[in-house]
Amino acid sequence: MSMNCSFCEKSIPVGRGLISVKSDGAISYYCTSKCERNAKIRMAKKVKWTALYRKRKSERLAKTNKKS
């Protein structure tokens, strides 16, 4: 059973990564400490190396190509 990183959405192999539990009970999984640090100060959709950014960018490009 592999999990996905809560920030960059990469697959995390079993026995790797970090798990963060907030006081309200929310659980976040991170593949690296880089993702953990960035999740605290940045939005994933604005960071170019995340899957969420690439997904939104391709949606915007498809929408602009459709209009033309």
Protein backbone atom coordinates (compact mmCIF):
# COMPACT_ATOMS: atom_id res chain seq x y z
CA MET A 1 0.00 0.00 0.00
CA SER A 2 1.61 3.23 -1.09
CA MET A 3 0.39 6.69 -0.19
CA ASN A 4 0.57 10.00 -2.03
CA CYS A 5 2.37 13.08 -0.76
CA SER A 6 -0.09 15.69 0.52
CA PHE A 7 1.92 18.47 -1.15
CA CYS A 8 3.40 17.26 -4.45
CA GLU A 9 1.18 14.18 -4.95
CA LYS A 10 4.13 11.84 -5.63
CA SER A 11 3.75 8.21 -4.63
CA ILE A 12 5.44 7.35 -1.32
CA PRO A 13 6.78 3.76 -0.98
CA VAL A 14 6.03 1.82 2.18
CA GLY A 15 8.48 2.67 4.98
CA ARG A 16 9.47 6.04 3.54
CA GLY A 17 8.30 9.62 4.00
CA LEU A 18 6.95 11.60 6.91
CA ILE A 19 3.56 11.64 8.60
CA SER A 20 2.31 14.81 10.26
CA VAL A 21 -0.72 14.89 12.55
CA LYS A 22 -2.23 18.25 13.45
CA SER A 23 -4.01 18.98 16.72
CA ASP A 24 -7.39 18.84 14.95
CA GLY A 25 -6.67 15.26 13.83
CA ALA A 26 -5.81 16.01 10.18
CA ILE A 27 -3.14 13.65 8.85
CA SER A 28 -0.68 14.76 6.16
CA TYR A 29 1.80 12.52 4.35
CA TYR A 30 5.03 13.97 2.92
CA CYS A 31 7.59 12.28 0.67
CA THR A 32 10.49 14.54 1.77
CA SER A 33 11.25 17.25 4.30
CA LYS A 34 11.26 19.68 1.35
CA CYS A 35 7.53 19.02 0.84
CA GLU A 36 6.85 19.28 4.57
CA ARG A 37 8.55 22.70 4.81
CA ASN A 38 6.88 24.02 1.66
CA ALA A 39 3.43 22.88 2.77
CA LYS A 40 3.69 25.15 5.80
CA ILE A 41 4.50 28.32 3.82
CA ARG A 42 3.34 27.83 0.21
CA MET A 43 0.31 26.78 -1.80
CA ALA A 44 0.94 23.67 -3.94
CA LYS A 45 -0.87 25.13 -6.94
CA LYS A 46 1.69 27.98 -7.12
CA VAL A 47 4.86 25.83 -6.91
CA LYS A 48 6.04 24.77 -10.37
CA TRP A 49 7.38 21.32 -9.47
CA THR A 50 4.12 20.00 -8.00
CA ALA A 51 1.63 17.86 -9.88
CA LEU A 52 -1.20 20.21 -8.93
CA TYR A 53 0.56 23.15 -10.63
CA ARG A 54 1.15 21.12 -13.81
CA LYS A 55 -2.48 19.95 -13.83
CA ARG A 56 -3.86 23.48 -13.46
CA LYS A 57 -1.45 24.81 -16.09
CA SER A 58 -2.56 22.20 -18.64
CA GLU A 59 -6.22 23.02 -17.87
CA ARG A 60 -5.54 26.73 -18.47
CA LEU A 61 -3.75 25.99 -21.75
CA ALA A 62 -6.59 23.75 -22.92
CA LYS A 63 -9.11 26.44 -22.06
CA THR A 64 -7.20 29.15 -23.97
CA ASN A 65 -6.71 26.85 -26.98
CA LYS A 66 -10.40 26.04 -26.97
CA LYS A 67 -11.29 29.76 -27.12
CA SER A 68 -9.00 30.38 -30.10
